Amino acid sequence: MNENWFDAMKQSWKKGLAFFVFAGVIFLAGLFLDNYFYQQQLTFIGIFTLLAVGLNMLMGYAGQISLGHAAFYGIGAYTTGALTVHLGWSPWASLPCALAASGIIAYIVGKPTLKLSGYYLGMGTLGFGMIMHVLFREWGSITGGPNGLVGIPSLSLWGIDLSTGRNYLWVVWGCVLITFFICDRLVNSRVGRALRAIHFSEQAASAVGVDTAKAKLQVFVFSAMVAALAGFLYAHLVMFISPGSFGFLVSVKLVAMVVIGGMASIWGALLGSTLLTMLPEWLHAFSDYEMVIYGGILMGVMIFLPQGLTRGVLDIYEKFRIERKQPAKD
């Protein structure tokens, strides 16, 4: 018992230290990074990290495929955009509405859809994403139609303008840190254990008393609300949104972030979103082949590092460390 308690405290201390170091790195990056382009890039990485970590809770821990996650991203963006542009609401007053709208729609959609599994679930969520994309494009009086919605106000708090690169970077990554903390607590709670049991075997989880339908619906709604938060931050960052930002290819990109970074890993979501957000900048000359490159990377990771980059790199390091400790054979 004492050893278990000591190990638990050691793990908790390591996690706390990791969060502290991570928060410090982000603060220093915002403090000393004066180039506006790099500030924007880091901000976009934070937004995509929110999307990836929310989707990772659904795919990585609960094992449920979603190919329409960009729809919830768009619901968050368009809800805050419509309320602030058409009704003159404060952005902060529109945030709860954006989260609630996404959560309610996720509940309505997830109730029947999550009865499916595997490829059928993927096709069901894909259909929902396509319907929402058409709605974003055709409901011109609210969404601005194909031309997009303009005039979305920037964020400010207590008279402080948050639209500058440095301030917005801290806002976005503050949301990421809070989301990381919540996800970490969920993963290590009874809910997280239930989700992992469902991922391993839904029938076995049900047999030991897990309400699988309720658990899947809860994580689906949570994942949608995290995506809505990302949509809210995106809308008030660019101050213009259009349907193209929330289409099928965005959903594919989010799935790639989760798989490449490493499923069932909160930090893997960060790695995957960083890699795929920066990749277009690194391969700017090959922008016409963006999806081909994404597909190639995804195939390579699935073949050679099926656990994702995070777990794969750690496994390689652990194997190397063990081999170094072993005595050399004569």
C-alpha atoms as a PDB file:
ATOM      1  CA  MET A   1       0.000   0.000   0.000  1.00  0.00           C
ATOM      2  CA  ASN A   2       2.783   2.422   0.881  1.00  0.00           C
ATOM      3  CA  GLU A   3       4.611   1.643  -2.357  1.00  0.00           C
ATOM      4  CA  ASN A   4       1.431   2.192  -4.384  1.00  0.00           C
ATOM      5  CA  TRP A   5       0.820   5.484  -2.604  1.00  0.00           C
ATOM      6  CA  PHE A   6       4.419   6.557  -3.255  1.00  0.00           C
ATOM      7  CA  ASP A   7       4.169   5.624  -6.952  1.00  0.00           C
ATOM      8  CA  ALA A   8       0.893   7.540  -7.287  1.00  0.00           C
ATOM      9  CA  MET A   9       2.424  10.614  -5.644  1.00  0.00           C
ATOM     10  CA  LYS A  10       5.478  10.348  -7.884  1.00  0.00           C
ATOM     11  CA  GLN A  11       3.296  10.178 -11.009  1.00  0.00           C
ATOM     12  CA  SER A  12       1.209  13.112  -9.799  1.00  0.00           C
ATOM     13  CA  TRP A  13       4.345  15.157  -9.121  1.00  0.00           C
ATOM     14  CA  LYS A  14       5.717  14.385 -12.598  1.00  0.00           C
ATOM     15  CA  LYS A  15       2.468  15.457 -14.243  1.00  0.00           C
ATOM     16  CA  GLY A  16       2.341  18.643 -12.215  1.00  0.00           C
ATOM     17  CA  LEU A  17       5.927  19.440 -13.151  1.00  0.00           C
ATOM     18  CA  ALA A  18       5.205  18.753 -16.832  1.00  0.00           C
ATOM     19  CA  PHE A  19       2.218  21.127 -16.801  1.00  0.00           C
ATOM     20  CA  PHE A  20       4.249  23.773 -14.975  1.00  0.00           C
ATOM     21  CA  VAL A  21       7.148  23.544 -17.442  1.00  0.00           C
ATOM     22  CA  PHE A  22       4.770  23.569 -20.389  1.00  0.00           C
ATOM     23  CA  ALA A  23       2.953  26.663 -19.070  1.00  0.00           C
ATOM     24  CA  GLY A  24       6.313  28.363 -18.500  1.00  0.00           C
ATOM     25  CA  VAL A  25       7.472  27.638 -22.047  1.00  0.00           C
ATOM     26  CA  ILE A  26       4.255  29.084 -23.499  1.00  0.00           C
ATOM     27  CA  PHE A  27       4.511  32.202 -21.322  1.00  0.00           C
ATOM     28  CA  LEU A  28       8.136  32.785 -22.314  1.00  0.00           C
ATOM     29  CA  ALA A  29       7.347  32.148 -25.979  1.00  0.00           C
ATOM     30  CA  GLY A  30       4.665  34.830 -25.874  1.00  0.00           C
ATOM     31  CA  LEU A  31       6.927  37.174 -23.948  1.00  0.00           C
ATOM     32  CA  PHE A  32      10.005  36.979 -26.165  1.00  0.00           C
ATOM     33  CA  LEU A  33       8.521  36.054 -29.537  1.00  0.00           C
ATOM     34  CA  ASP A  34       8.099  39.426 -31.260  1.00  0.00           C
ATOM     35  CA  ASN A  35       7.522  38.202 -34.812  1.00  0.00           C
ATOM     36  CA  TYR A  36       3.775  38.490 -35.497  1.00  0.00           C
ATOM     37  CA  PHE A  37       3.795  35.625 -38.015  1.00  0.00           C
ATOM     38  CA  TYR A  38       5.253  33.180 -35.494  1.00  0.00           C
ATOM     39  CA  GLN A  39       2.842  34.403 -32.828  1.00  0.00           C
ATOM     40  CA  GLN A  40      -0.032  33.668 -35.199  1.00  0.00           C
ATOM     41  CA  GLN A  41       1.351  30.242 -36.052  1.00  0.00           C
ATOM     42  CA  LEU A  42       1.678  29.353 -32.386  1.00  0.00           C
ATOM     43  CA  THR A  43      -1.872  30.582 -31.787  1.00  0.00           C
ATOM     44  CA  PHE A  44      -3.225  28.412 -34.607  1.00  0.00           C
ATOM     45  CA  ILE A  45      -1.331  25.434 -33.184  1.00  0.00           C
ATOM     46  CA  GLY A  46      -3.122  26.072 -29.885  1.00  0.00           C
ATOM     47  CA  ILE A  47      -6.532  26.133 -31.586  1.00  0.00           C
ATOM     48  CA  PHE A  48      -5.851  22.906 -33.457  1.00  0.00           C
ATOM     49  CA  THR A  49      -4.495  21.357 -30.264  1.00  0.00           C
ATOM     50  CA  LEU A  50      -7.867  22.025 -28.620  1.00  0.00           C
ATOM     51  CA  LEU A  51      -9.604  20.304 -31.517  1.00  0.00           C
ATOM     52  CA  ALA A  52      -7.208  17.363 -31.488  1.00  0.00           C
ATOM     53  CA  VAL A  53      -7.290  16.781 -27.731  1.00  0.00           C
ATOM     54  CA  GLY A  54     -11.105  16.839 -27.727  1.00  0.00           C
ATOM     55  CA  LEU A  55     -11.264  14.399 -30.641  1.00  0.00           C
ATOM     56  CA  ASN A  56      -8.607  12.257 -28.957  1.00  0.00           C
ATOM     57  CA  MET A  57     -10.898  11.795 -25.961  1.00  0.00           C
ATOM     58  CA  LEU A  58     -13.507  10.395 -28.340  1.00  0.00           C
ATOM     59  CA  MET A  59     -11.250   8.355 -30.639  1.00  0.00           C
ATOM     60  CA  GLY A  60      -8.209   7.555 -28.546  1.00  0.00           C
ATOM     61  CA  TYR A  61      -9.875   6.728 -25.236  1.00  0.00           C
ATOM     62  CA  ALA A  62     -13.434   5.717 -26.162  1.00  0.00           C
ATOM     63  CA  GLY A  63     -12.522   4.216 -29.546  1.00  0.00           C
ATOM     64  CA  GLN A  64     -15.328   5.992 -31.431  1.00  0.00           C
ATOM     65  CA  ILE A  65     -14.617   7.194 -34.979  1.00  0.00           C
ATOM     66  CA  SER A  66     -15.733  10.691 -35.980  1.00  0.00           C
ATOM     67  CA  LEU A  67     -15.322  12.049 -39.502  1.00  0.00           C
ATOM     68  CA  GLY A  68     -17.475  15.117 -38.963  1.00  0.00           C
ATOM     69  CA  HIS A  69     -15.767  16.810 -36.059  1.00  0.00           C
ATOM     70  CA  ALA A  70     -15.190  20.018 -38.028  1.00  0.00           C
ATOM     71  CA  ALA A  71     -18.965  20.563 -37.899  1.00  0.00           C
ATOM     72  CA  PHE A  72     -18.821  21.249 -34.145  1.00  0.00           C
ATOM     73  CA  TYR A  73     -15.852  23.529 -34.753  1.00  0.00           C
ATOM     74  CA  GLY A  74     -18.042  25.437 -37.202  1.00  0.00           C
ATOM     75  CA  ILE A  75     -21.048  25.494 -34.878  1.00  0.00           C
ATOM     76  CA  GLY A  76     -18.965  27.217 -32.209  1.00  0.00           C
ATOM     77  CA  ALA A  77     -17.579  29.739 -34.702  1.00  0.00           C
ATOM     78  CA  TYR A  78     -20.873  30.540 -36.414  1.00  0.00           C
ATOM     79  CA  THR A  79     -22.838  30.777 -33.162  1.00  0.00           C
ATOM     80  CA  THR A  80     -20.537  33.402 -31.698  1.00  0.00           C
ATOM     81  CA  GLY A  81     -20.221  35.097 -35.088  1.00  0.00           C
ATOM     82  CA  ALA A  82     -23.973  35.370 -35.620  1.00  0.00           C
ATOM     83  CA  LEU A  83     -24.679  36.605 -32.085  1.00  0.00           C
ATOM     84  CA  THR A  84     -21.963  39.254 -32.128  1.00  0.00           C
ATOM     85  CA  VAL A  85     -22.519  40.471 -35.708  1.00  0.00           C
ATOM     86  CA  HIS A  86     -26.306  40.293 -36.067  1.00  0.00           C
ATOM     87  CA  LEU A  87     -27.404  40.933 -32.473  1.00  0.00           C
ATOM     88  CA  GLY A  88     -24.474  42.966 -31.156  1.00  0.00           C
ATOM     89  CA  TRP A  89     -23.727  40.636 -28.259  1.00  0.00           C
ATOM     90  CA  SER A  90     -20.490  40.746 -26.346  1.00  0.00           C
ATOM     91  CA  PRO A  91     -18.149  37.907 -27.474  1.00  0.00           C
ATOM     92  CA  TRP A  92     -17.893  36.656 -23.893  1.00  0.00           C
ATOM     93  CA  ALA A  93     -21.699  36.508 -23.598  1.00  0.00           C
ATOM     94  CA  SER A  94     -21.830  34.459 -26.790  1.00  0.00           C
ATOM     95  CA  LEU A  95     -19.306  31.879 -25.522  1.00  0.00           C
ATOM     96  CA  PRO A  96     -21.749  29.928 -23.295  1.00  0.00           C
ATOM     97  CA  CYS A  97     -24.257  29.939 -26.175  1.00  0.00           C
ATOM     98  CA  ALA A  98     -21.630  28.534 -28.563  1.00  0.00           C
ATOM     99  CA  LEU A  99     -20.722  25.773 -26.111  1.00  0.00           C
ATOM    100  CA  ALA A 100     -24.372  25.001 -25.362  1.00  0.00           C
ATOM    101  CA  ALA A 101     -25.378  24.934 -29.049  1.00  0.00           C
ATOM    102  CA  SER A 102     -22.601  22.500 -29.879  1.00  0.00           C
ATOM    103  CA  GLY A 103     -23.329  20.338 -26.828  1.00  0.00           C
ATOM    104  CA  ILE A 104     -27.077  20.158 -27.517  1.00  0.00           C
ATOM    105  CA  ILE A 105     -26.597  19.324 -31.198  1.00  0.00           C
ATOM    106  CA  ALA A 106     -23.979  16.702 -30.252  1.00  0.00           C
ATOM    107  CA  TYR A 107     -26.468  15.148 -27.834  1.00  0.00           C
ATOM    108  CA  ILE A 108     -29.227  15.064 -30.460  1.00  0.00           C
ATOM    109  CA  VAL A 109     -26.929  13.636 -33.130  1.00  0.00           C
ATOM    110  CA  GLY A 110     -25.016  11.314 -30.825  1.00  0.00           C
ATOM    111  CA  LYS A 111     -28.062   9.664 -29.261  1.00  0.00           C
ATOM    112  CA  PRO A 112     -28.899   7.616 -32.382  1.00  0.00           C
ATOM    113  CA  THR A 113     -25.536   7.758 -34.167  1.00  0.00           C
ATOM    114  CA  LEU A 114     -23.466   6.274 -31.343  1.00  0.00           C
ATOM    115  CA  LYS A 115     -25.538   3.099 -31.530  1.00  0.00           C
ATOM    116  CA  LEU A 116     -23.474   2.415 -34.631  1.00  0.00           C
ATOM    117  CA  SER A 117     -19.861   1.275 -34.478  1.00  0.00           C
ATOM    118  CA  GLY A 118     -16.761   1.104 -36.627  1.00  0.00           C
ATOM    119  CA  TYR A 119     -17.092   2.223 -40.221  1.00  0.00           C
ATOM    120  CA  TYR A 120     -20.844   2.738 -39.849  1.00  0.00           C
ATOM    121  CA  LEU A 121     -20.260   5.281 -37.098  1.00  0.00           C
ATOM    122  CA  GLY A 122     -17.650   6.977 -39.255  1.00  0.00           C
ATOM    123  CA  MET A 123     -20.122   7.250 -42.142  1.00  0.00           C
ATOM    124  CA  GLY A 124     -22.836   8.556 -39.810  1.00  0.00           C
ATOM    125  CA  THR A 125     -20.626  11.340 -38.462  1.00  0.00           C
ATOM    126  CA  LEU A 126     -19.412  12.065 -41.995  1.00  0.00           C
ATOM    127  CA  GLY A 127     -23.019  12.578 -43.083  1.00  0.00           C
ATOM    128  CA  PHE A 128     -23.638  14.964 -40.204  1.00  0.00           C
ATOM    129  CA  GLY A 129     -20.536  16.955 -41.122  1.00  0.00           C
ATOM    130  CA  MET A 130     -21.660  17.236 -44.732  1.00  0.00           C
ATOM    131  CA  ILE A 131     -25.150  18.415 -43.700  1.00  0.00           C
ATOM    132  CA  MET A 132     -23.691  21.121 -41.456  1.00  0.00           C
ATOM    133  CA  HIS A 133     -21.309  22.253 -44.183  1.00  0.00           C
ATOM    134  CA  VAL A 134     -24.250  22.683 -46.585  1.00  0.00           C
ATOM    135  CA  LEU A 135     -26.138  24.577 -43.876  1.00  0.00           C
ATOM    136  CA  PHE A 136     -23.185  26.919 -43.300  1.00  0.00           C
ATOM    137  CA  ARG A 137     -23.043  27.588 -47.043  1.00  0.00           C
ATOM    138  CA  GLU A 138     -26.755  27.981 -47.796  1.00  0.00           C
ATOM    139  CA  TRP A 139     -28.129  29.771 -44.716  1.00  0.00           C
ATOM    140  CA  GLY A 140     -26.907  33.093 -46.035  1.00  0.00           C
ATOM    141  CA  SER A 141     -29.000  35.373 -43.813  1.00  0.00           C
ATOM    142  CA  ILE A 142     -27.247  34.010 -40.702  1.00  0.00           C
ATOM    143  CA  THR A 143     -23.917  32.620 -41.860  1.00  0.00           C
ATOM    144  CA  GLY A 144     -23.170  34.962 -44.753  1.00  0.00           C
ATOM    145  CA  GLY A 145     -23.342  32.059 -47.196  1.00  0.00           C
ATOM    146  CA  PRO A 146     -20.391  31.131 -49.425  1.00  0.00           C
ATOM    147  CA  ASN A 147     -18.937  34.637 -49.036  1.00  0.00           C
ATOM    148  CA  GLY A 148     -18.555  34.160 -45.307  1.00  0.00           C
ATOM    149  CA  LEU A 149     -19.432  36.190 -42.225  1.00  0.00           C
ATOM    150  CA  VAL A 150     -17.487  39.424 -41.750  1.00  0.00           C
ATOM    151  CA  GLY A 151     -17.306  41.975 -38.958  1.00  0.00           C
ATOM    152  CA  ILE A 152     -16.763  39.581 -36.054  1.00  0.00           C
ATOM    153  CA  PRO A 153     -15.347  41.677 -33.188  1.00  0.00           C
ATOM    154  CA  SER A 154     -12.031  40.994 -31.486  1.00  0.00           C
ATOM    155  CA  LEU A 155     -11.789  39.996 -27.839  1.00  0.00           C
ATOM    156  CA  SER A 156     -11.123  42.364 -24.975  1.00  0.00           C
ATOM    157  CA  LEU A 157     -11.214  41.860 -21.219  1.00  0.00           C
ATOM    158  CA  TRP A 158     -11.442  44.568 -18.548  1.00  0.00           C
ATOM    159  CA  GLY A 159     -10.357  47.148 -21.101  1.00  0.00           C
ATOM    160  CA  ILE A 160      -7.368  45.094 -22.240  1.00  0.00           C
ATOM    161  CA  ASP A 161      -7.207  44.504 -25.985  1.00  0.00           C
ATOM    162  CA  LEU A 162      -6.664  40.781 -26.555  1.00  0.00           C
ATOM    163  CA  SER A 163      -6.471  41.003 -30.331  1.00  0.00           C
ATOM    164  CA  THR A 164      -2.704  41.497 -30.369  1.00  0.00           C
ATOM    165  CA  GLY A 165      -0.587  38.485 -31.242  1.00  0.00           C
ATOM    166  CA  ARG A 166       0.965  38.080 -27.795  1.00  0.00           C
ATOM    167  CA  ASN A 167      -2.232  38.527 -25.769  1.00  0.00           C
ATOM    168  CA  TYR A 168      -4.310  36.237 -27.950  1.00  0.00           C
ATOM    169  CA  LEU A 169      -1.584  33.617 -27.861  1.00  0.00           C
ATOM    170  CA  TRP A 170      -1.808  33.555 -24.064  1.00  0.00           C
ATOM    171  CA  VAL A 171      -5.616  33.394 -24.155  1.00  0.00           C
ATOM    172  CA  VAL A 172      -5.620  30.421 -26.529  1.00  0.00           C
ATOM    173  CA  TRP A 173      -2.903  28.501 -24.723  1.00  0.00           C
ATOM    174  CA  GLY A 174      -4.518  29.272 -21.366  1.00  0.00           C
ATOM    175  CA  CYS A 175      -7.616  27.498 -22.711  1.00  0.00           C
ATOM    176  CA  VAL A 176      -5.411  24.637 -23.911  1.00  0.00           C
ATOM    177  CA  LEU A 177      -3.829  24.221 -20.464  1.00  0.00           C
ATOM    178  CA  ILE A 178      -7.232  24.225 -18.741  1.00  0.00           C
ATOM    179  CA  THR A 179      -8.524  21.660 -21.266  1.00  0.00           C
ATOM    180  CA  PHE A 180      -5.417  19.513 -20.753  1.00  0.00           C
ATOM    181  CA  PHE A 181      -5.997  19.565 -16.994  1.00  0.00           C
ATOM    182  CA  ILE A 182      -9.678  18.632 -17.341  1.00  0.00           C
ATOM    183  CA  CYS A 183      -8.883  15.824 -19.794  1.00  0.00           C
ATOM    184  CA  ASP A 184      -6.124  14.489 -17.546  1.00  0.00           C
ATOM    185  CA  ARG A 185      -8.522  14.402 -14.592  1.00  0.00           C
ATOM    186  CA  LEU A 186     -11.178  12.683 -16.713  1.00  0.00           C
ATOM    187  CA  VAL A 187      -8.760  10.090 -18.073  1.00  0.00           C
ATOM    188  CA  ASN A 188      -7.638   9.127 -14.571  1.00  0.00           C
ATOM    189  CA  SER A 189     -11.154   9.087 -13.131  1.00  0.00           C
ATOM    190  CA  ARG A 190     -13.861   6.442 -13.140  1.00  0.00           C
ATOM    191  CA  VAL A 191     -15.158   7.924 -16.400  1.00  0.00           C
ATOM    192  CA  GLY A 192     -11.751   7.522 -18.038  1.00  0.00           C
ATOM    193  CA  ARG A 193     -11.498   3.903 -16.937  1.00  0.00           C
ATOM    194  CA  ALA A 194     -14.964   3.273 -18.370  1.00  0.00           C
ATOM    195  CA  LEU A 195     -13.946   4.836 -21.694  1.00  0.00           C
ATOM    196  CA  ARG A 196     -10.809   2.695 -21.919  1.00  0.00           C
ATOM    197  CA  ALA A 197     -12.897  -0.388 -21.149  1.00  0.00           C
ATOM    198  CA  ILE A 198     -15.271   0.532 -23.985  1.00  0.00           C
ATOM    199  CA  HIS A 199     -12.307   0.992 -26.327  1.00  0.00           C
ATOM    200  CA  PHE A 200     -10.947  -2.433 -25.417  1.00  0.00           C
ATOM    201  CA  SER A 201     -14.301  -4.234 -25.665  1.00  0.00           C
ATOM    202  CA  GLU A 202     -17.726  -2.642 -25.489  1.00  0.00           C
ATOM    203  CA  GLN A 203     -19.362  -5.986 -24.710  1.00  0.00           C
ATOM    204  CA  ALA A 204     -16.948  -6.699 -21.857  1.00  0.00           C
ATOM    205  CA  ALA A 205     -17.409  -3.189 -20.451  1.00  0.00           C
ATOM    206  CA  SER A 206     -21.171  -3.611 -20.527  1.00  0.00           C
ATOM    207  CA  ALA A 207     -20.855  -6.996 -18.831  1.00  0.00           C
ATOM    208  CA  VAL A 208     -19.064  -5.474 -15.818  1.00  0.00           C
ATOM    209  CA  GLY A 209     -21.697  -2.778 -15.353  1.00  0.00           C
ATOM    210  CA  VAL A 210     -20.490   0.142 -17.493  1.00  0.00           C
ATOM    211  CA  ASP A 211     -23.339   2.111 -19.055  1.00  0.00           C
ATOM    212  CA  THR A 212     -21.649   2.198 -22.450  1.00  0.00           C
ATOM    213  CA  ALA A 213     -24.317   4.265 -24.216  1.00  0.00           C
ATOM    214  CA  LYS A 214     -24.193   6.969 -21.544  1.00  0.00           C
ATOM    215  CA  ALA A 215     -20.378   7.049 -21.422  1.00  0.00           C
ATOM    216  CA  LYS A 216     -20.036   7.314 -25.215  1.00  0.00           C
ATOM    217  CA  LEU A 217     -22.638  10.070 -25.387  1.00  0.00           C
ATOM    218  CA  GLN A 218     -20.957  12.014 -22.575  1.00  0.00           C
ATOM    219  CA  VAL A 219     -17.532  11.967 -24.231  1.00  0.00           C
ATOM    220  CA  PHE A 220     -19.103  12.819 -27.600  1.00  0.00           C
ATOM    221  CA  VAL A 221     -20.779  15.908 -26.108  1.00  0.00           C
ATOM    222  CA  PHE A 222     -17.595  16.886 -24.248  1.00  0.00           C
ATOM    223  CA  SER A 223     -15.523  16.548 -27.421  1.00  0.00           C
ATOM    224  CA  ALA A 224     -18.040  18.684 -29.343  1.00  0.00           C
ATOM    225  CA  MET A 225     -17.950  21.431 -26.709  1.00  0.00           C
ATOM    226  CA  VAL A 226     -14.141  21.546 -26.801  1.00  0.00           C
ATOM    227  CA  ALA A 227     -14.381  21.898 -30.590  1.00  0.00           C
ATOM    228  CA  ALA A 228     -16.891  24.743 -30.112  1.00  0.00           C
ATOM    229  CA  LEU A 229     -14.423  26.505 -27.814  1.00  0.00           C
ATOM    230  CA  ALA A 230     -11.799  26.212 -30.554  1.00  0.00           C
ATOM    231  CA  GLY A 231     -14.332  27.615 -33.042  1.00  0.00           C
ATOM    232  CA  PHE A 232     -15.043  30.567 -30.749  1.00  0.00           C
ATOM    233  CA  LEU A 233     -11.334  31.369 -30.470  1.00  0.00           C
ATOM    234  CA  TYR A 234     -10.803  30.967 -34.207  1.00  0.00           C
ATOM    235  CA  ALA A 235     -13.711  33.274 -35.113  1.00  0.00           C
ATOM    236  CA  HIS A 236     -12.498  36.114 -32.881  1.00  0.00           C
ATOM    237  CA  LEU A 237      -8.919  35.643 -34.035  1.00  0.00           C
ATOM    238  CA  VAL A 238      -9.491  35.962 -37.795  1.00  0.00           C
ATOM    239  CA  MET A 239     -12.730  38.028 -37.442  1.00  0.00           C
ATOM    240  CA  PHE A 240     -14.055  36.354 -40.600  1.00  0.00           C
ATOM    241  CA  ILE A 241     -15.380  32.829 -41.113  1.00  0.00           C
ATOM    242  CA  SER A 242     -16.458  30.926 -44.215  1.00  0.00           C
ATOM    243  CA  PRO A 243     -17.762  27.376 -44.829  1.00  0.00           C
ATOM    244  CA  GLY A 244     -14.434  26.238 -46.286  1.00  0.00           C
ATOM    245  CA  SER A 245     -12.835  26.392 -42.826  1.00  0.00           C
ATOM    246  CA  PHE A 246     -15.180  23.675 -41.505  1.00  0.00           C
ATOM    247  CA  GLY A 247     -15.413  21.153 -44.318  1.00  0.00           C
ATOM    248  CA  PHE A 248     -14.640  17.460 -44.676  1.00  0.00           C
ATOM    249  CA  LEU A 249     -10.935  17.986 -45.319  1.00  0.00           C
ATOM    250  CA  VAL A 250     -10.631  19.762 -41.960  1.00  0.00           C
ATOM    251  CA  SER A 251     -12.204  16.718 -40.255  1.00  0.00           C
ATOM    252  CA  VAL A 252      -9.700  14.457 -42.038  1.00  0.00           C
ATOM    253  CA  LYS A 253      -6.866  16.708 -40.911  1.00  0.00           C
ATOM    254  CA  LEU A 254      -8.060  16.476 -37.289  1.00  0.00           C
ATOM    255  CA  VAL A 255      -8.197  12.678 -37.453  1.00  0.00           C
ATOM    256  CA  ALA A 256      -4.670  12.690 -38.892  1.00  0.00           C
ATOM    257  CA  MET A 257      -3.472  14.887 -36.006  1.00  0.00           C
ATOM    258  CA  VAL A 258      -4.851  12.417 -33.465  1.00  0.00           C
ATOM    259  CA  VAL A 259      -3.485   9.305 -35.199  1.00  0.00           C
ATOM    260  CA  ILE A 260      -0.066  10.735 -36.028  1.00  0.00           C
ATOM    261  CA  GLY A 261       0.469  12.285 -32.608  1.00  0.00           C
ATOM    262  CA  GLY A 262      -0.713   9.168 -30.825  1.00  0.00           C
ATOM    263  CA  MET A 263      -4.174   8.084 -29.777  1.00  0.00           C
ATOM    264  CA  ALA A 264      -4.974   7.871 -26.070  1.00  0.00           C
ATOM    265  CA  SER A 265      -2.310  10.504 -25.390  1.00  0.00           C
ATOM    266  CA  ILE A 266      -3.087  14.095 -24.429  1.00  0.00           C
ATOM    267  CA  TRP A 267       0.440  15.180 -25.297  1.00  0.00           C
ATOM    268  CA  GLY A 268       0.189  13.269 -28.556  1.00  0.00           C
ATOM    269  CA  ALA A 269      -2.598  15.623 -29.619  1.00  0.00           C
ATOM    270  CA  LEU A 270      -0.193  18.513 -29.093  1.00  0.00           C
ATOM    271  CA  LEU A 271       2.526  16.855 -31.164  1.00  0.00           C
ATOM    272  CA  GLY A 272       0.158  15.922 -33.991  1.00  0.00           C
ATOM    273  CA  SER A 273      -1.431  19.367 -34.201  1.00  0.00           C
ATOM    274  CA  THR A 274       1.974  21.065 -34.150  1.00  0.00           C
ATOM    275  CA  LEU A 275       3.328  18.864 -36.923  1.00  0.00           C
ATOM    276  CA  LEU A 276       0.334  19.165 -39.252  1.00  0.00           C
ATOM    277  CA  THR A 277      -0.149  22.888 -38.626  1.00  0.00           C
ATOM    278  CA  MET A 278       3.469  23.645 -39.499  1.00  0.00           C
ATOM    279  CA  LEU A 279       3.691  21.141 -42.352  1.00  0.00           C
ATOM    280  CA  PRO A 280       2.059  23.437 -44.987  1.00  0.00           C
ATOM    281  CA  GLU A 281       4.656  26.109 -44.160  1.00  0.00           C
ATOM    282  CA  TRP A 282       7.494  23.633 -44.511  1.00  0.00           C
ATOM    283  CA  LEU A 283       6.110  22.221 -47.759  1.00  0.00           C
ATOM    284  CA  HIS A 284       4.701  25.399 -49.239  1.00  0.00           C
ATOM    285  CA  ALA A 285       5.964  24.511 -52.712  1.00  0.00           C
ATOM    286  CA  PHE A 286       3.873  21.314 -52.629  1.00  0.00           C
ATOM    287  CA  SER A 287       0.583  22.896 -51.504  1.00  0.00           C
ATOM    288  CA  ASP A 288      -1.309  21.272 -54.411  1.00  0.00           C
ATOM    289  CA  TYR A 289      -0.426  17.861 -53.000  1.00  0.00           C
ATOM    290  CA  GLU A 290      -1.282  18.646 -49.377  1.00  0.00           C
ATOM    291  CA  MET A 291      -3.759  15.765 -48.907  1.00  0.00           C
ATOM    292  CA  VAL A 292      -1.396  13.330 -50.666  1.00  0.00           C
ATOM    293  CA  ILE A 293       1.376  14.277 -48.239  1.00  0.00           C
ATOM    294  CA  TYR A 294      -0.980  13.944 -45.261  1.00  0.00           C
ATOM    295  CA  GLY A 295      -2.041  10.527 -46.511  1.00  0.00           C
ATOM    296  CA  GLY A 296       1.557   9.419 -46.979  1.00  0.00           C
ATOM    297  CA  ILE A 297       2.543  10.525 -43.473  1.00  0.00           C
ATOM    298  CA  LEU A 298      -0.535   8.839 -42.031  1.00  0.00           C
ATOM    299  CA  MET A 299       0.260   5.573 -43.816  1.00  0.00           C
ATOM    300  CA  GLY A 300       3.887   5.708 -42.695  1.00  0.00           C
ATOM    301  CA  VAL A 301       2.970   6.268 -39.063  1.00  0.00           C
ATOM    302  CA  MET A 302       0.332   3.506 -39.099  1.00  0.00           C
ATOM    303  CA  ILE A 303       2.813   1.040 -40.627  1.00  0.00           C
ATOM    304  CA  PHE A 304       5.965   1.837 -38.658  1.00  0.00           C
ATOM    305  CA  LEU A 305       4.637   3.545 -35.502  1.00  0.00           C
ATOM    306  CA  PRO A 306       1.060   2.255 -35.050  1.00  0.00           C
ATOM    307  CA  GLN A 307       0.864   3.767 -31.550  1.00  0.00           C
ATOM    308  CA  GLY A 308       1.604   7.220 -32.953  1.00  0.00           C
ATOM    309  CA  LEU A 309       4.718   9.363 -32.758  1.00  0.00           C
ATOM    310  CA  THR A 310       4.537  10.024 -29.015  1.00  0.00           C
ATOM    311  CA  ARG A 311       4.203   6.405 -27.927  1.00  0.00           C
ATOM    312  CA  GLY A 312       6.467   5.176 -30.712  1.00  0.00           C
ATOM    313  CA  VAL A 313       9.328   7.506 -29.799  1.00  0.00           C
ATOM    314  CA  LEU A 314       8.978   6.625 -26.112  1.00  0.00           C
ATOM    315  CA  ASP A 315       9.005   2.900 -26.923  1.00  0.00           C
ATOM    316  CA  ILE A 316      12.140   3.306 -29.037  1.00  0.00           C
ATOM    317  CA  TYR A 317      13.833   5.247 -26.234  1.00  0.00           C
ATOM    318  CA  GLU A 318      12.820   2.645 -23.640  1.00  0.00           C
ATOM    319  CA  LYS A 319      14.117  -0.177 -25.831  1.00  0.00           C
ATOM    320  CA  PHE A 320      17.411   1.677 -26.339  1.00  0.00           C
ATOM    321  CA  ARG A 321      17.725   2.337 -22.587  1.00  0.00           C
ATOM    322  CA  ILE A 322      17.140  -1.330 -21.712  1.00  0.00           C
ATOM    323  CA  GLU A 323      19.643  -2.511 -24.310  1.00  0.00           C
ATOM    324  CA  ARG A 324      22.291  -0.160 -22.918  1.00  0.00           C
ATOM    325  CA  LYS A 325      21.807  -1.576 -19.417  1.00  0.00           C
ATOM    326  CA  GLN A 326      22.201  -5.152 -20.557  1.00  0.00           C
ATOM    327  CA  PRO A 327      25.765  -6.483 -20.287  1.00  0.00           C
ATOM    328  CA  ALA A 328      27.585  -6.973 -23.560  1.00  0.00           C
ATOM    329  CA  LYS A 329      27.807 -10.588 -24.755  1.00  0.00           C
ATOM    330  CA  ASP A 330      31.215 -12.122 -25.304  1.00  0.00           C
END
